[in-house]
N, C-alpha and C. Protein backbone atom coordinates (compact mmCIF):
# COMPACT_ATOMS: atom_id res chain seq x y z
N MET A 1 181.57 102.87 24.31
CA MET A 1 180.90 103.26 25.54
C MET A 1 179.91 102.19 25.99
N GLY A 2 179.99 101.01 25.43
CA GLY A 2 179.16 99.89 25.86
C GLY A 2 177.82 99.79 25.15
N ALA A 3 177.52 100.67 24.21
CA ALA A 3 176.22 100.65 23.54
C ALA A 3 176.00 99.33 22.79
N GLY A 4 177.06 98.73 22.31
CA GLY A 4 176.94 97.48 21.59
C GLY A 4 176.48 96.32 22.46
N TYR A 5 176.56 96.47 23.76
CA TYR A 5 176.10 95.43 24.67
C TYR A 5 174.65 95.61 25.08
N SER A 6 173.97 96.58 24.51
CA SER A 6 172.55 96.78 24.79
C SER A 6 171.80 95.51 24.40
N PRO A 7 170.95 94.98 25.30
CA PRO A 7 170.23 93.75 24.96
C PRO A 7 169.16 93.97 23.89
N ILE A 8 168.75 95.23 23.71
CA ILE A 8 167.74 95.55 22.71
C ILE A 8 168.32 96.58 21.76
N ALA A 9 168.32 96.27 20.48
CA ALA A 9 168.72 97.19 19.41
C ALA A 9 170.07 97.87 19.66
N PRO A 10 171.16 97.12 19.69
CA PRO A 10 172.47 97.74 19.94
C PRO A 10 172.86 98.76 18.88
N GLY A 11 172.44 98.57 17.64
CA GLY A 11 172.74 99.54 16.59
C GLY A 11 172.05 100.88 16.85
N THR A 12 170.81 100.81 17.28
CA THR A 12 170.08 102.03 17.62
C THR A 12 170.71 102.69 18.83
N ALA A 13 171.13 101.89 19.80
CA ALA A 13 171.80 102.44 20.98
C ALA A 13 173.10 103.14 20.57
N GLY A 14 173.85 102.56 19.65
CA GLY A 14 175.09 103.18 19.17
C GLY A 14 174.83 104.49 18.46
N ALA A 15 173.79 104.53 17.62
CA ALA A 15 173.44 105.77 16.92
C ALA A 15 172.97 106.83 17.91
N LEU A 16 172.26 106.42 18.94
CA LEU A 16 171.81 107.36 19.96
C LEU A 16 172.99 107.95 20.73
N VAL A 17 173.95 107.11 21.08
CA VAL A 17 175.17 107.60 21.73
C VAL A 17 175.88 108.61 20.83
N ALA A 18 175.93 108.32 19.53
CA ALA A 18 176.58 109.24 18.58
C ALA A 18 175.86 110.58 18.53
N ALA A 19 174.53 110.55 18.54
CA ALA A 19 173.75 111.79 18.51
C ALA A 19 173.96 112.60 19.78
N VAL A 20 173.94 111.94 20.91
CA VAL A 20 174.17 112.62 22.19
C VAL A 20 175.58 113.20 22.22
N PHE A 21 176.55 112.44 21.72
CA PHE A 21 177.93 112.94 21.67
C PHE A 21 178.02 114.22 20.85
N LEU A 22 177.37 114.26 19.68
CA LEU A 22 177.38 115.47 18.86
C LEU A 22 176.77 116.65 19.60
N TRP A 23 175.66 116.39 20.27
CA TRP A 23 175.01 117.46 21.02
C TRP A 23 175.92 117.97 22.13
N LEU A 24 176.52 117.06 22.89
CA LEU A 24 177.42 117.45 23.97
C LEU A 24 178.66 118.16 23.44
N LEU A 25 179.17 117.72 22.31
CA LEU A 25 180.34 118.33 21.71
C LEU A 25 180.07 119.79 21.37
N GLN A 26 178.97 120.06 20.71
CA GLN A 26 178.65 121.44 20.35
C GLN A 26 178.37 122.26 21.60
N TYR A 27 177.79 121.66 22.62
CA TYR A 27 177.52 122.37 23.88
C TYR A 27 178.82 122.71 24.61
N CYS A 28 179.73 121.74 24.67
CA CYS A 28 180.99 121.92 25.40
C CYS A 28 181.95 122.89 24.71
N LEU A 29 181.83 123.02 23.40
CA LEU A 29 182.71 123.94 22.70
C LEU A 29 182.41 125.39 23.06
N GLY A 30 181.19 125.64 23.53
CA GLY A 30 180.84 126.97 24.00
C GLY A 30 180.89 128.04 22.93
N THR A 31 180.74 127.64 21.68
CA THR A 31 180.76 128.61 20.58
C THR A 31 179.34 128.95 20.19
N GLN A 32 179.18 129.59 19.09
CA GLN A 32 177.86 130.00 18.62
C GLN A 32 177.14 128.87 17.90
N LEU A 33 177.46 127.65 18.21
CA LEU A 33 176.73 126.53 17.63
C LEU A 33 175.40 126.39 18.34
N PRO A 34 174.32 126.01 17.76
CA PRO A 34 174.28 125.59 16.38
C PRO A 34 174.37 126.76 15.41
N SER A 35 175.30 126.65 14.51
CA SER A 35 175.46 127.65 13.46
C SER A 35 174.67 127.18 12.25
N PRO A 36 174.58 128.00 11.24
CA PRO A 36 173.87 127.54 10.04
C PRO A 36 174.48 126.29 9.41
N HIS A 37 175.73 126.03 9.71
CA HIS A 37 176.39 124.89 9.07
C HIS A 37 176.95 123.89 10.08
N GLY A 38 176.56 123.95 11.31
CA GLY A 38 177.00 122.97 12.29
C GLY A 38 178.51 123.02 12.51
N MET A 39 179.11 121.89 12.74
CA MET A 39 180.55 121.77 12.97
C MET A 39 181.17 120.89 11.91
N PRO A 40 181.08 121.25 10.64
CA PRO A 40 181.44 120.30 9.59
C PRO A 40 182.89 119.83 9.61
N ILE A 41 183.84 120.69 9.85
CA ILE A 41 185.24 120.28 9.77
C ILE A 41 185.58 119.32 10.91
N LEU A 42 185.20 119.67 12.13
CA LEU A 42 185.47 118.80 13.28
C LEU A 42 184.78 117.45 13.11
N VAL A 43 183.53 117.46 12.71
CA VAL A 43 182.79 116.20 12.53
C VAL A 43 183.38 115.40 11.38
N LEU A 44 183.79 116.07 10.33
CA LEU A 44 184.41 115.39 9.19
C LEU A 44 185.71 114.70 9.61
N ILE A 45 186.50 115.37 10.43
CA ILE A 45 187.73 114.75 10.95
C ILE A 45 187.38 113.53 11.79
N LEU A 46 186.39 113.67 12.67
CA LEU A 46 185.96 112.52 13.48
C LEU A 46 185.49 111.36 12.61
N VAL A 47 184.75 111.68 11.55
CA VAL A 47 184.26 110.64 10.63
C VAL A 47 185.43 109.89 10.01
N PHE A 48 186.42 110.61 9.49
CA PHE A 48 187.56 109.94 8.85
C PHE A 48 188.37 109.11 9.84
N VAL A 49 188.63 109.66 11.01
CA VAL A 49 189.43 108.95 12.02
C VAL A 49 188.70 107.70 12.50
N PHE A 50 187.42 107.85 12.85
CA PHE A 50 186.68 106.70 13.38
C PHE A 50 186.33 105.68 12.30
N THR A 51 186.22 106.11 11.06
CA THR A 51 186.01 105.15 9.98
C THR A 51 187.25 104.28 9.82
N ALA A 52 188.41 104.90 9.80
CA ALA A 52 189.66 104.13 9.67
C ALA A 52 189.83 103.19 10.86
N LEU A 53 189.62 103.70 12.07
CA LEU A 53 189.74 102.84 13.26
C LEU A 53 188.69 101.73 13.23
N GLY A 54 187.49 102.06 12.78
CA GLY A 54 186.41 101.08 12.72
C GLY A 54 186.66 99.98 11.72
N ILE A 55 187.21 100.32 10.56
CA ILE A 55 187.53 99.31 9.56
C ILE A 55 188.53 98.31 10.13
N TYR A 56 189.57 98.85 10.77
CA TYR A 56 190.59 97.97 11.33
C TYR A 56 190.02 97.13 12.49
N ALA A 57 189.44 97.80 13.48
CA ALA A 57 188.99 97.11 14.70
C ALA A 57 187.87 96.12 14.41
N SER A 58 186.90 96.52 13.60
CA SER A 58 185.79 95.60 13.33
C SER A 58 186.24 94.42 12.48
N GLY A 59 187.23 94.63 11.62
CA GLY A 59 187.79 93.51 10.86
C GLY A 59 188.45 92.49 11.77
N VAL A 60 189.19 92.98 12.75
CA VAL A 60 189.83 92.09 13.72
C VAL A 60 188.79 91.38 14.58
N LEU A 61 187.81 92.14 15.08
CA LEU A 61 186.79 91.56 15.96
C LEU A 61 185.86 90.61 15.23
N GLU A 62 185.66 90.84 13.93
CA GLU A 62 184.80 89.94 13.16
C GLU A 62 185.39 88.52 13.14
N GLU A 63 186.70 88.42 13.12
CA GLU A 63 187.34 87.11 13.13
C GLU A 63 187.04 86.37 14.43
N GLU A 64 186.91 87.11 15.53
CA GLU A 64 186.65 86.51 16.83
C GLU A 64 185.16 86.33 17.10
N TRP A 65 184.35 87.33 16.73
CA TRP A 65 182.93 87.35 17.09
C TRP A 65 182.00 86.89 15.98
N GLY A 66 182.50 86.71 14.76
CA GLY A 66 181.66 86.29 13.64
C GLY A 66 181.27 87.45 12.74
N LYS A 67 180.55 87.14 11.68
CA LYS A 67 180.17 88.11 10.64
C LYS A 67 179.30 89.23 11.21
N ASP A 68 179.73 90.46 11.04
CA ASP A 68 179.02 91.69 11.43
C ASP A 68 178.31 91.57 12.78
N PRO A 69 179.07 91.37 13.85
CA PRO A 69 178.46 91.18 15.17
C PRO A 69 177.77 92.45 15.66
N GLY A 70 176.63 92.26 16.35
CA GLY A 70 175.86 93.39 16.86
C GLY A 70 176.58 94.20 17.91
N LYS A 71 177.59 93.60 18.55
CA LYS A 71 178.34 94.33 19.59
C LYS A 71 179.17 95.46 19.00
N ILE A 72 179.46 95.39 17.71
CA ILE A 72 180.22 96.45 17.05
C ILE A 72 179.24 97.54 16.62
N VAL A 73 179.39 98.74 17.19
CA VAL A 73 178.48 99.83 16.84
C VAL A 73 179.23 101.08 16.38
N ILE A 74 180.54 100.97 16.20
CA ILE A 74 181.30 102.12 15.69
C ILE A 74 180.79 102.52 14.31
N ASP A 75 180.28 101.55 13.56
CA ASP A 75 179.72 101.85 12.25
C ASP A 75 178.47 102.72 12.35
N GLU A 76 177.62 102.45 13.34
CA GLU A 76 176.44 103.30 13.55
C GLU A 76 176.84 104.70 14.02
N VAL A 77 177.88 104.76 14.83
CA VAL A 77 178.36 106.07 15.29
C VAL A 77 178.79 106.92 14.10
N VAL A 78 179.62 106.35 13.24
CA VAL A 78 180.10 107.08 12.07
C VAL A 78 178.95 107.44 11.14
N GLY A 79 178.05 106.51 10.90
CA GLY A 79 176.90 106.79 10.03
C GLY A 79 176.03 107.91 10.55
N MET A 80 175.81 107.93 11.86
CA MET A 80 175.02 109.00 12.47
C MET A 80 175.72 110.34 12.31
N TRP A 81 177.03 110.37 12.52
CA TRP A 81 177.78 111.61 12.36
C TRP A 81 177.70 112.11 10.91
N ILE A 82 177.80 111.20 9.95
CA ILE A 82 177.72 111.58 8.54
C ILE A 82 176.36 112.19 8.24
N SER A 83 175.31 111.64 8.81
CA SER A 83 173.96 112.15 8.52
C SER A 83 173.79 113.60 8.96
N MET A 84 174.65 114.09 9.84
CA MET A 84 174.52 115.46 10.36
C MET A 84 175.57 116.43 9.80
N LEU A 85 176.32 116.03 8.77
CA LEU A 85 177.31 116.93 8.20
C LEU A 85 176.65 118.15 7.56
N TRP A 86 177.06 119.32 7.98
CA TRP A 86 176.57 120.61 7.49
C TRP A 86 175.08 120.82 7.78
N ILE A 87 174.60 120.19 8.85
CA ILE A 87 173.22 120.34 9.29
C ILE A 87 173.25 121.08 10.63
N PRO A 88 172.36 122.05 10.83
CA PRO A 88 172.32 122.73 12.14
C PRO A 88 172.05 121.74 13.27
N PHE A 89 172.75 121.92 14.37
CA PHE A 89 172.61 121.01 15.50
C PHE A 89 171.49 121.50 16.41
N THR A 90 170.27 121.25 15.98
CA THR A 90 169.11 121.52 16.82
C THR A 90 168.53 120.17 17.22
N VAL A 91 167.73 120.16 18.27
CA VAL A 91 167.11 118.91 18.70
C VAL A 91 166.25 118.34 17.56
N LYS A 92 165.53 119.21 16.89
CA LYS A 92 164.66 118.78 15.78
C LYS A 92 165.46 118.08 14.70
N TYR A 93 166.53 118.71 14.22
CA TYR A 93 167.30 118.12 13.13
C TYR A 93 168.10 116.91 13.58
N LEU A 94 168.57 116.92 14.82
CA LEU A 94 169.28 115.75 15.33
C LEU A 94 168.34 114.55 15.40
N PHE A 95 167.11 114.78 15.82
CA PHE A 95 166.12 113.71 15.88
C PHE A 95 165.77 113.19 14.49
N ILE A 96 165.53 114.11 13.55
CA ILE A 96 165.21 113.70 12.18
C ILE A 96 166.39 112.96 11.55
N GLY A 97 167.61 113.46 11.75
CA GLY A 97 168.80 112.79 11.23
C GLY A 97 168.95 111.39 11.80
N PHE A 98 168.69 111.26 13.10
CA PHE A 98 168.75 109.96 13.77
C PHE A 98 167.74 109.00 13.13
N LEU A 99 166.50 109.45 12.97
CA LEU A 99 165.46 108.59 12.39
C LEU A 99 165.80 108.19 10.96
N LEU A 100 166.22 109.16 10.15
CA LEU A 100 166.55 108.86 8.76
C LEU A 100 167.72 107.88 8.66
N PHE A 101 168.75 108.12 9.46
CA PHE A 101 169.89 107.21 9.42
C PHE A 101 169.47 105.79 9.80
N ARG A 102 168.69 105.64 10.87
CA ARG A 102 168.28 104.30 11.30
C ARG A 102 167.40 103.64 10.24
N ILE A 103 166.53 104.41 9.60
CA ILE A 103 165.68 103.85 8.54
C ILE A 103 166.54 103.30 7.41
N PHE A 104 167.49 104.11 6.93
CA PHE A 104 168.35 103.64 5.84
C PHE A 104 169.23 102.48 6.27
N ASP A 105 169.70 102.50 7.51
CA ASP A 105 170.57 101.43 8.00
C ASP A 105 169.81 100.11 8.13
N ILE A 106 168.58 100.17 8.58
CA ILE A 106 167.79 98.95 8.76
C ILE A 106 167.21 98.47 7.42
N TRP A 107 166.69 99.38 6.64
CA TRP A 107 166.06 99.06 5.36
C TRP A 107 167.09 98.60 4.32
N LYS A 108 168.26 99.20 4.33
CA LYS A 108 169.38 98.90 3.44
C LYS A 108 169.01 98.99 1.95
N PRO A 109 168.52 100.17 1.51
CA PRO A 109 168.20 100.30 0.09
C PRO A 109 169.45 100.46 -0.77
N TRP A 110 169.26 100.28 -2.06
CA TRP A 110 170.27 100.55 -3.08
C TRP A 110 171.66 100.07 -2.69
N HIS A 111 172.59 100.99 -2.65
CA HIS A 111 173.99 100.64 -2.42
C HIS A 111 174.33 100.34 -0.96
N VAL A 112 173.41 100.57 -0.05
CA VAL A 112 173.68 100.24 1.36
C VAL A 112 173.89 98.74 1.49
N ALA A 113 173.00 97.95 0.91
CA ALA A 113 173.11 96.50 0.97
C ALA A 113 174.35 96.01 0.23
N ARG A 114 174.67 96.64 -0.88
CA ARG A 114 175.86 96.24 -1.65
C ARG A 114 177.13 96.49 -0.84
N ALA A 115 177.19 97.61 -0.14
CA ALA A 115 178.38 97.95 0.65
C ALA A 115 178.58 96.96 1.79
N GLU A 116 177.48 96.41 2.29
CA GLU A 116 177.55 95.45 3.39
C GLU A 116 178.30 94.18 3.00
N HIS A 117 178.37 93.89 1.71
CA HIS A 117 179.01 92.66 1.23
C HIS A 117 180.52 92.81 1.00
N LEU A 118 181.05 93.98 1.26
CA LEU A 118 182.51 94.14 1.17
C LEU A 118 183.16 93.27 2.24
N PRO A 119 184.41 92.87 2.04
CA PRO A 119 185.03 91.96 3.00
C PRO A 119 185.42 92.63 4.32
N GLY A 120 185.33 91.84 5.40
CA GLY A 120 185.83 92.24 6.71
C GLY A 120 185.26 93.53 7.25
N GLY A 121 186.16 94.34 7.83
CA GLY A 121 185.77 95.60 8.43
C GLY A 121 185.20 96.59 7.44
N TRP A 122 185.58 96.46 6.17
CA TRP A 122 185.06 97.36 5.14
C TRP A 122 183.54 97.20 5.02
N GLY A 123 183.06 95.98 4.99
CA GLY A 123 181.62 95.74 4.88
C GLY A 123 180.86 96.19 6.11
N ILE A 124 181.46 95.99 7.28
CA ILE A 124 180.82 96.42 8.53
C ILE A 124 180.64 97.93 8.53
N MET A 125 181.66 98.66 8.10
CA MET A 125 181.63 100.12 8.17
C MET A 125 180.89 100.77 7.00
N MET A 126 181.12 100.28 5.80
CA MET A 126 180.66 101.01 4.62
C MET A 126 179.15 101.03 4.44
N ASP A 127 178.43 100.01 4.88
CA ASP A 127 176.98 100.08 4.74
C ASP A 127 176.41 101.22 5.58
N ASP A 128 177.00 101.47 6.73
CA ASP A 128 176.53 102.57 7.57
C ASP A 128 177.02 103.92 7.05
N VAL A 129 178.18 103.94 6.43
CA VAL A 129 178.65 105.17 5.79
C VAL A 129 177.69 105.57 4.68
N VAL A 130 177.29 104.60 3.85
CA VAL A 130 176.36 104.89 2.76
C VAL A 130 174.99 105.28 3.31
N ALA A 131 174.51 104.58 4.34
CA ALA A 131 173.23 104.94 4.96
C ALA A 131 173.30 106.36 5.52
N GLY A 132 174.44 106.73 6.13
CA GLY A 132 174.62 108.08 6.63
C GLY A 132 174.62 109.11 5.51
N LEU A 133 175.22 108.76 4.37
CA LEU A 133 175.21 109.68 3.21
C LEU A 133 173.80 109.88 2.69
N TYR A 134 173.02 108.81 2.59
CA TYR A 134 171.63 108.94 2.15
C TYR A 134 170.84 109.83 3.11
N ALA A 135 171.03 109.60 4.41
CA ALA A 135 170.33 110.41 5.41
C ALA A 135 170.76 111.87 5.31
N CYS A 136 172.04 112.11 5.10
CA CYS A 136 172.57 113.47 4.98
C CYS A 136 171.97 114.18 3.77
N ILE A 137 171.90 113.49 2.65
CA ILE A 137 171.31 114.08 1.44
C ILE A 137 169.86 114.45 1.69
N LEU A 138 169.12 113.54 2.30
CA LEU A 138 167.72 113.82 2.59
C LEU A 138 167.58 114.96 3.60
N MET A 139 168.47 115.03 4.57
CA MET A 139 168.46 116.14 5.54
C MET A 139 168.67 117.47 4.82
N HIS A 140 169.57 117.50 3.85
CA HIS A 140 169.80 118.74 3.11
C HIS A 140 168.59 119.12 2.26
N LEU A 141 167.89 118.13 1.72
CA LEU A 141 166.64 118.41 1.01
C LEU A 141 165.60 118.99 1.95
N ILE A 142 165.52 118.45 3.14
CA ILE A 142 164.59 118.96 4.16
C ILE A 142 164.93 120.41 4.49
N LEU A 143 166.21 120.71 4.65
CA LEU A 143 166.63 122.08 4.92
C LEU A 143 166.31 122.99 3.73
N TYR A 144 166.52 122.49 2.54
CA TYR A 144 166.30 123.29 1.33
C TYR A 144 164.83 123.69 1.19
N ILE A 145 163.93 122.77 1.50
CA ILE A 145 162.51 123.11 1.40
C ILE A 145 162.02 123.90 2.61
N GLY A 146 162.89 124.05 3.59
CA GLY A 146 162.57 124.90 4.73
C GLY A 146 161.71 124.27 5.79
N TRP A 147 161.82 122.97 5.92
CA TRP A 147 161.02 122.30 6.95
C TRP A 147 161.70 122.24 8.26
């Protein structure tokens, strides 16, 4: 959707587009969302499909644009979606999930940095997948303590 061409923080712009997409998706479905468990199956399918497409496409584009180009933001989209798996889709939780995902993606703790060193499209995608997993785990802890 062009988020990667943002002159300022294209990764953040990509994650923001992903968050807005999730919100619009739950709104357009017209169901009882936000439910206690969000839309886990649909989002999980989107994560798998877009991860596979992202690995392929970013690997091809990396050859043309160079190592982990900022214009590629499909990795941020997938990471943001992962951070919200089985989380209620409220503005509060979407905002917290967005912040946590971006913190882990920028900070790159533990295995996030290691995943970035995988070859080609795998490295582009997997660091954000791991950052999304860390954010998701922390989101579930936040839900567990009732915040």
